[in-house]
């Protein structure tokens, strides 16, 4: 968790909704304060325009976290962030848990919009009311309302006694020492809550430490398009990079990056038979087989025996399928 508000921002799109609109959703990782803009298109120009509006209020963050979808993966968006001194961090592909802050909030938004639509209300009006309530209600992780933690002041809403101001430190210069002390408490509580969630999810999913090394041959999990589709790509990849639980693998010039749960190590026998990176030809394999046969003493003995000797040996030593019972 960042030590101060509006340092790390998570961004994503929500929608489309029945009206054809999308939502550009930003979430401050420190305070959990959300910013939501209704847009008609997810193009780079529209997205940058909305970011300019939001940044004019809160300023530029240090880091912007997003997925790898458009327009976040384009050069124009990357250059916009670079010009304003914002580091762009992309999450692991096909692993939305890495952007969990905004993903969970978008599920809450979708639920609120569905309720408004089922009741025949204007979902845009209800969205703004929902945002006010969310921003001024103490967050379950930090214990403080997002607006209070971001602005360090109470924002009035329709809910009585829902605001929890950052606790003041008794004695001394409260204006200087209180925010520092309170934010340290918020950071500690945030770390505890995240550890609880991690332990619970690891236990539920029976999580294990990834056992991958550089050079391993692995299979890549692929989407289940139909019942006959294989869950794992039969052509293996070679692991070329490991960064925590993020694995990078390569196959015939194609590089993929996924979470470790999307990979599975192949057995050694499979590596020897179907290694796509092996340069040995069929002639070399035949030569190795012939050399192994010459070095095997059993093959030499068998070559000296005639067919008649082999038949007599088999007759002299019959196979006892049922051992004799002793009285």
Protein backbone atom coordinates (compact mmCIF):
# COMPACT_ATOMS: atom_id res chain seq x y z
CA UNK A 1 0.00 0.00 0.00
CA UNK A 2 1.39 3.46 -0.89
CA UNK A 3 2.28 5.69 2.04
CA UNK A 4 0.27 8.66 0.73
CA UNK A 5 -2.96 9.22 -1.23
CA UNK A 6 -3.05 9.44 -5.01
CA UNK A 7 0.38 7.93 -5.57
CA UNK A 8 -0.76 4.69 -7.20
CA UNK A 9 -3.95 4.67 -9.29
CA UNK A 10 -5.68 1.60 -10.73
CA UNK A 11 -7.73 2.03 -13.89
CA UNK A 12 -10.15 -0.08 -15.93
CA UNK A 13 -13.35 0.06 -18.00
CA UNK A 14 -16.78 -1.14 -16.92
CA UNK A 15 -19.54 -1.95 -19.40
CA UNK A 16 -21.01 -1.62 -21.90
CA UNK A 17 -24.39 -0.90 -20.31
CA UNK A 18 -27.78 -1.17 -22.09
CA UNK A 19 -27.54 2.50 -23.03
CA UNK A 20 -24.26 1.86 -24.86
CA UNK A 21 -22.24 3.78 -22.29
CA UNK A 22 -19.03 2.70 -20.60
CA UNK A 23 -17.49 3.71 -17.30
CA UNK A 24 -13.88 4.75 -16.90
CA UNK A 25 -13.08 3.72 -13.32
CA UNK A 26 -10.05 4.89 -11.34
CA UNK A 27 -9.25 3.77 -7.81
CA UNK A 28 -6.70 5.28 -5.44
CA UNK A 29 -4.86 2.38 -3.82
CA UNK A 30 -4.16 4.26 -0.57
CA UNK A 31 -7.56 5.75 0.26
CA UNK A 32 -9.78 3.49 -1.95
CA UNK A 33 -11.32 6.70 -3.32
CA UNK A 34 -12.98 6.02 -6.72
CA UNK A 35 -13.32 8.33 -9.70
CA UNK A 36 -15.89 7.33 -12.34
CA UNK A 37 -16.50 8.97 -15.72
CA UNK A 38 -19.33 8.02 -18.11
CA UNK A 39 -18.03 7.70 -21.68
CA UNK A 40 -19.47 6.63 -25.02
CA UNK A 41 -16.23 5.24 -26.42
CA UNK A 42 -13.09 3.62 -25.05
CA UNK A 43 -10.74 5.14 -27.60
CA UNK A 44 -7.40 6.57 -26.56
CA UNK A 45 -8.45 10.17 -27.23
CA UNK A 46 -11.58 9.89 -25.08
CA UNK A 47 -9.70 8.13 -22.28
CA UNK A 48 -6.92 10.71 -22.18
CA UNK A 49 -9.48 13.52 -22.16
CA UNK A 50 -11.19 12.08 -19.08
CA UNK A 51 -7.86 11.51 -17.36
CA UNK A 52 -6.96 15.14 -17.96
CA UNK A 53 -10.19 16.14 -16.22
CA UNK A 54 -9.52 13.90 -13.21
CA UNK A 55 -5.85 14.83 -12.93
CA UNK A 56 -6.76 18.53 -12.98
CA UNK A 57 -8.46 17.95 -9.62
CA UNK A 58 -6.10 15.49 -7.89
CA UNK A 59 -2.83 16.01 -9.75
CA UNK A 60 -0.68 13.41 -11.50
CA UNK A 61 -0.07 10.10 -9.72
CA UNK A 62 3.30 8.41 -9.54
CA UNK A 63 2.09 5.11 -11.01
CA UNK A 64 -0.86 4.04 -13.14
CA UNK A 65 -1.86 0.36 -13.01
CA UNK A 66 -3.98 -1.18 -15.76
CA UNK A 67 -4.58 -4.35 -17.75
CA UNK A 68 -3.15 -5.02 -21.21
CA UNK A 69 -6.29 -4.20 -23.18
CA UNK A 70 -6.88 -1.21 -25.44
CA UNK A 71 -6.31 1.67 -25.15
CA UNK A 72 -3.91 1.04 -22.25
CA UNK A 73 -1.60 -1.02 -24.46
CA UNK A 74 -1.19 1.63 -27.17
CA UNK A 75 1.82 3.86 -27.82
CA UNK A 76 -0.26 7.04 -27.63
CA UNK A 77 -1.47 6.24 -24.11
CA UNK A 78 2.00 5.17 -23.00
CA UNK A 79 3.51 8.40 -24.36
CA UNK A 80 0.86 10.47 -22.57
CA UNK A 81 1.79 8.95 -19.21
CA UNK A 82 5.51 9.29 -19.93
CA UNK A 83 5.16 12.99 -20.80
CA UNK A 84 3.54 13.61 -17.41
CA UNK A 85 6.07 11.57 -15.43
CA UNK A 86 3.67 8.71 -14.67
CA UNK A 87 4.99 5.16 -14.58
CA UNK A 88 2.74 2.67 -16.38
CA UNK A 89 2.54 -0.77 -14.75
CA UNK A 90 0.63 -3.46 -16.63
CA UNK A 91 -0.72 -6.44 -14.74
CA UNK A 92 -0.09 -10.05 -15.72
CA UNK A 93 -2.28 -10.97 -18.72
CA UNK A 94 -5.38 -13.06 -17.93
CA UNK A 95 -4.89 -12.47 -14.20
CA UNK A 96 -7.41 -9.79 -13.08
CA UNK A 97 -6.63 -10.53 -9.43
CA UNK A 98 -3.56 -8.32 -9.89
CA UNK A 99 -5.93 -5.37 -10.37
CA UNK A 100 -8.26 -6.46 -7.57
CA UNK A 101 -8.86 -2.97 -6.15
CA UNK A 102 -10.76 -1.73 -9.17
CA UNK A 103 -12.17 -5.15 -10.17
CA UNK A 104 -14.06 -5.55 -6.89
CA UNK A 105 -15.35 -2.00 -7.06
CA UNK A 106 -16.65 -2.51 -10.61
CA UNK A 107 -18.64 -5.54 -9.47
CA UNK A 108 -20.27 -3.30 -6.86
CA UNK A 109 -21.05 -0.68 -9.52
CA UNK A 110 -22.62 -3.26 -11.81
CA UNK A 111 -24.81 -4.50 -8.97
CA UNK A 112 -25.95 -0.94 -8.20
CA UNK A 113 -26.78 -0.27 -11.86
CA UNK A 114 -28.74 -3.53 -12.15
CA UNK A 115 -30.83 -2.63 -9.10
CA UNK A 116 -31.57 0.85 -10.48
CA UNK A 117 -32.52 -0.59 -13.87
CA UNK A 118 -34.82 -3.22 -12.33
CA UNK A 119 -36.61 -0.50 -10.34
CA UNK A 120 -37.09 1.69 -13.40
CA UNK A 121 -34.81 4.45 -12.12
CA UNK A 122 -32.26 6.53 -14.01
CA UNK A 123 -29.10 4.50 -13.51
CA UNK A 124 -26.82 7.51 -14.05
CA UNK A 125 -28.52 9.47 -11.26
CA UNK A 126 -28.38 6.45 -8.97
CA UNK A 127 -24.70 5.98 -9.86
CA UNK A 128 -23.76 9.41 -8.53
CA UNK A 129 -25.72 8.80 -5.33
CA UNK A 130 -23.98 5.48 -4.91
CA UNK A 131 -20.58 7.15 -5.37
CA UNK A 132 -21.35 9.70 -2.66
CA UNK A 133 -22.35 6.97 -0.21
CA UNK A 134 -19.33 4.82 -1.09
CA UNK A 135 -16.84 7.66 -0.74
CA UNK A 136 -18.17 8.74 2.66
CA UNK A 137 -18.64 5.29 4.24
CA UNK A 138 -15.74 3.75 6.24
CA UNK A 139 -13.94 1.17 4.14
CA UNK A 140 -13.85 -2.36 5.52
CA UNK A 141 -10.06 -2.62 5.07
CA UNK A 142 -8.81 0.79 6.18
CA UNK A 143 -11.61 1.54 8.66
CA UNK A 144 -11.81 5.11 7.34
CA UNK A 145 -14.02 6.63 4.65
CA UNK A 146 -12.16 7.04 1.33
CA UNK A 147 -12.99 10.76 1.12
CA UNK A 148 -11.77 11.38 4.67
CA UNK A 149 -8.49 9.59 3.98
CA UNK A 150 -7.94 11.38 0.67
CA UNK A 151 -8.95 14.92 1.65
CA UNK A 152 -8.44 14.64 5.43
CA UNK A 153 -11.84 16.20 6.05
CA UNK A 154 -15.44 15.07 6.42
CA UNK A 155 -17.82 15.19 3.48
CA UNK A 156 -21.51 15.45 4.32
CA UNK A 157 -23.87 12.85 2.94
CA UNK A 158 -27.34 11.48 3.59
CA UNK A 159 -26.14 8.85 6.05
CA UNK A 160 -25.94 10.10 9.67
CA UNK A 161 -22.77 9.43 11.66
CA UNK A 162 -21.15 7.51 8.83
CA UNK A 163 -18.02 9.66 8.67
CA UNK A 164 -14.93 8.56 10.57
CA UNK A 165 -12.34 11.29 10.62
CA UNK A 166 -8.69 10.35 10.87
CA UNK A 167 -7.95 10.18 14.61
CA UNK A 168 -6.05 13.14 15.99
CA UNK A 169 -2.95 12.63 18.09
CA UNK A 170 -3.24 14.09 21.57
CA UNK A 171 -0.71 16.70 22.50
CA UNK A 172 1.88 18.47 20.40
CA UNK A 173 1.29 20.06 17.04
CA UNK A 174 -1.75 18.13 15.80
CA UNK A 175 -1.70 19.64 12.31
CA UNK A 176 1.74 18.14 11.59
CA UNK A 177 1.87 14.96 13.64
CA UNK A 178 -1.71 13.67 13.37
CA UNK A 179 -1.75 12.80 9.67
CA UNK A 180 1.57 10.95 9.94
CA UNK A 181 0.51 8.92 12.97
CA UNK A 182 -2.94 8.12 11.61
CA UNK A 183 -1.66 7.08 8.20
CA UNK A 184 0.82 4.72 9.84
CA UNK A 185 -2.11 3.10 11.63
CA UNK A 186 -3.99 2.85 8.34
CA UNK A 187 -1.00 1.20 6.67
CA UNK A 188 -0.72 -1.34 9.48
CA UNK A 189 -4.41 -2.17 9.38
CA UNK A 190 -4.34 -2.46 5.60
CA UNK A 191 -1.42 -4.90 5.78
CA UNK A 192 -3.20 -7.04 8.40
CA UNK A 193 -6.42 -7.20 6.39
CA UNK A 194 -4.57 -8.09 3.19
CA UNK A 195 -2.71 -10.88 4.97
CA UNK A 196 -6.00 -12.27 6.28
CA UNK A 197 -7.50 -12.24 2.80
CA UNK A 198 -4.38 -13.83 1.33
CA UNK A 199 -4.30 -16.62 3.92
CA UNK A 200 -8.00 -17.32 3.42
CA UNK A 201 -7.74 -17.43 -0.37
CA UNK A 202 -4.56 -19.54 -0.29
CA UNK A 203 -6.28 -22.05 1.97
CA UNK A 204 -9.42 -22.12 -0.17
CA UNK A 205 -7.47 -22.55 -3.41
CA UNK A 206 -4.84 -24.84 -1.84
CA UNK A 207 -2.14 -22.52 -3.15
CA UNK A 208 1.43 -23.75 -3.39
CA UNK A 209 4.71 -22.03 -4.13
CA UNK A 210 5.42 -22.14 -7.88
CA UNK A 211 8.14 -24.69 -8.65
CA UNK A 212 9.47 -23.32 -11.93
CA UNK A 213 13.02 -22.69 -13.06
CA UNK A 214 14.55 -20.99 -16.06
CA UNK A 215 14.71 -23.48 -18.92
CA UNK A 216 11.80 -25.67 -17.80
CA UNK A 217 9.40 -26.96 -20.42
CA UNK A 218 5.81 -26.07 -19.50
CA UNK A 219 2.32 -26.39 -20.92
CA UNK A 220 0.12 -23.31 -21.21
CA UNK A 221 -3.51 -23.35 -20.08
CA UNK A 222 -5.86 -22.32 -22.88
CA UNK A 223 -9.46 -21.16 -22.83
CA UNK A 224 -12.11 -23.87 -23.04
CA UNK A 225 -13.87 -23.05 -26.32
CA UNK A 226 -15.89 -26.28 -26.46
CA UNK A 227 -16.12 -29.67 -24.76
CA UNK A 228 -13.57 -31.23 -27.13
CA UNK A 229 -11.02 -28.47 -26.61
CA UNK A 230 -7.91 -29.46 -24.66
CA UNK A 231 -7.43 -27.52 -21.43
CA UNK A 232 -3.64 -27.41 -21.97
CA UNK A 233 -1.80 -26.50 -25.15
CA UNK A 234 -0.02 -29.75 -26.16
CA UNK A 235 3.00 -27.89 -27.60
CA UNK A 236 5.29 -26.93 -24.70
CA UNK A 237 6.92 -23.56 -24.02
CA UNK A 238 10.35 -22.85 -22.56
CA UNK A 239 10.48 -20.72 -19.38
CA UNK A 240 12.64 -17.64 -20.03
CA UNK A 241 11.78 -15.36 -17.11
CA UNK A 242 10.40 -15.54 -13.56
CA UNK A 243 9.26 -12.53 -11.55
CA UNK A 244 7.43 -13.59 -8.41
CA UNK A 245 4.36 -15.50 -9.60
CA UNK A 246 4.67 -14.02 -13.10
CA UNK A 247 6.14 -16.47 -15.61
CA UNK A 248 7.42 -15.61 -19.09
CA UNK A 249 7.78 -18.45 -21.60
CA UNK A 250 8.73 -18.67 -25.26
CA UNK A 251 7.96 -21.05 -28.12
CA UNK A 252 9.12 -20.65 -31.73
CA UNK A 253 9.49 -16.90 -31.43
CA UNK A 254 6.19 -16.39 -29.55
CA UNK A 255 6.52 -15.01 -26.00
CA UNK A 256 3.71 -15.20 -23.44
CA UNK A 257 3.50 -13.88 -19.88
CA UNK A 258 1.02 -15.39 -17.44
CA UNK A 259 0.53 -16.14 -13.78
CA UNK A 260 2.18 -19.36 -12.63
CA UNK A 261 -1.25 -21.00 -12.27
CA UNK A 262 -1.56 -20.89 -16.08
CA UNK A 263 1.48 -23.15 -16.54
CA UNK A 264 2.16 -26.80 -15.81
CA UNK A 265 5.52 -28.53 -15.95
CA UNK A 266 5.87 -31.43 -18.35
CA UNK A 267 7.22 -34.79 -17.21
CA UNK A 268 10.86 -35.63 -18.08
CA UNK A 269 9.84 -38.32 -20.58
CA UNK A 270 7.76 -35.77 -22.46
CA UNK A 271 10.67 -33.37 -22.46
CA UNK A 272 12.93 -35.93 -24.14
CA UNK A 273 10.41 -37.02 -26.76
CA UNK A 274 8.61 -33.81 -27.68
CA UNK A 275 11.14 -31.13 -26.84
CA UNK A 276 10.51 -28.55 -29.60
CA UNK A 277 13.95 -27.06 -28.98
CA UNK A 278 15.88 -30.26 -29.63
CA UNK A 279 18.15 -30.00 -32.70
CA UNK A 280 18.81 -33.73 -33.07
CA UNK A 281 17.76 -35.18 -36.42
CA UNK A 282 16.31 -38.62 -37.15
CA UNK A 283 19.69 -39.85 -38.42
CA UNK A 284 21.37 -38.88 -35.13
CA UNK A 285 18.66 -40.66 -33.15
CA UNK A 286 19.08 -43.85 -35.22
CA UNK A 287 22.85 -43.70 -34.76
CA UNK A 288 22.45 -43.32 -30.98
CA UNK A 289 20.05 -46.28 -30.88
CA UNK A 290 22.48 -48.46 -32.83
CA UNK A 291 25.33 -47.49 -30.54
CA UNK A 292 23.26 -48.30 -27.45
CA UNK A 293 22.37 -51.70 -28.88
CA UNK A 294 26.04 -52.51 -29.48
CA UNK A 295 26.94 -51.56 -25.92
CA UNK A 296 24.18 -53.74 -24.39
CA UNK A 297 25.71 -57.14 -23.39
CA UNK A 298 22.32 -58.85 -23.41
CA UNK A 299 21.95 -58.05 -27.09
CA UNK A 300 25.40 -59.63 -27.75
CA UNK A 301 24.41 -62.85 -25.98
CA UNK A 302 21.08 -63.01 -27.78
CA UNK A 303 22.81 -62.57 -31.13
CA UNK A 304 25.02 -65.66 -30.47
CA UNK A 305 22.04 -67.91 -29.70
CA UNK A 306 20.19 -69.70 -32.47
CA UNK A 307 16.43 -69.83 -32.73
CA UNK A 308 16.50 -73.51 -31.67
CA UNK A 309 18.46 -72.68 -28.48
CA UNK A 310 16.01 -69.96 -27.57
CA UNK A 311 13.02 -72.29 -28.05
CA UNK A 312 14.63 -75.00 -25.89
CA UNK A 313 15.40 -72.46 -23.15
CA UNK A 314 11.79 -71.32 -23.08
CA UNK A 315 10.58 -74.94 -22.83
CA UNK A 316 13.03 -75.82 -20.03
CA UNK A 317 11.79 -72.95 -17.84
CA UNK A 318 7.98 -72.88 -17.92
CA UNK A 319 6.14 -70.00 -16.25
CA UNK A 320 4.59 -71.00 -12.92
CA UNK A 321 1.42 -68.94 -12.80
CA UNK A 322 0.00 -70.78 -9.78
CA UNK A 323 2.54 -71.87 -7.12
CA UNK A 324 2.15 -75.34 -5.63
CA UNK A 325 0.27 -75.41 -2.35
CA UNK A 326 2.15 -77.09 0.50
CA UNK A 327 0.16 -79.26 2.90
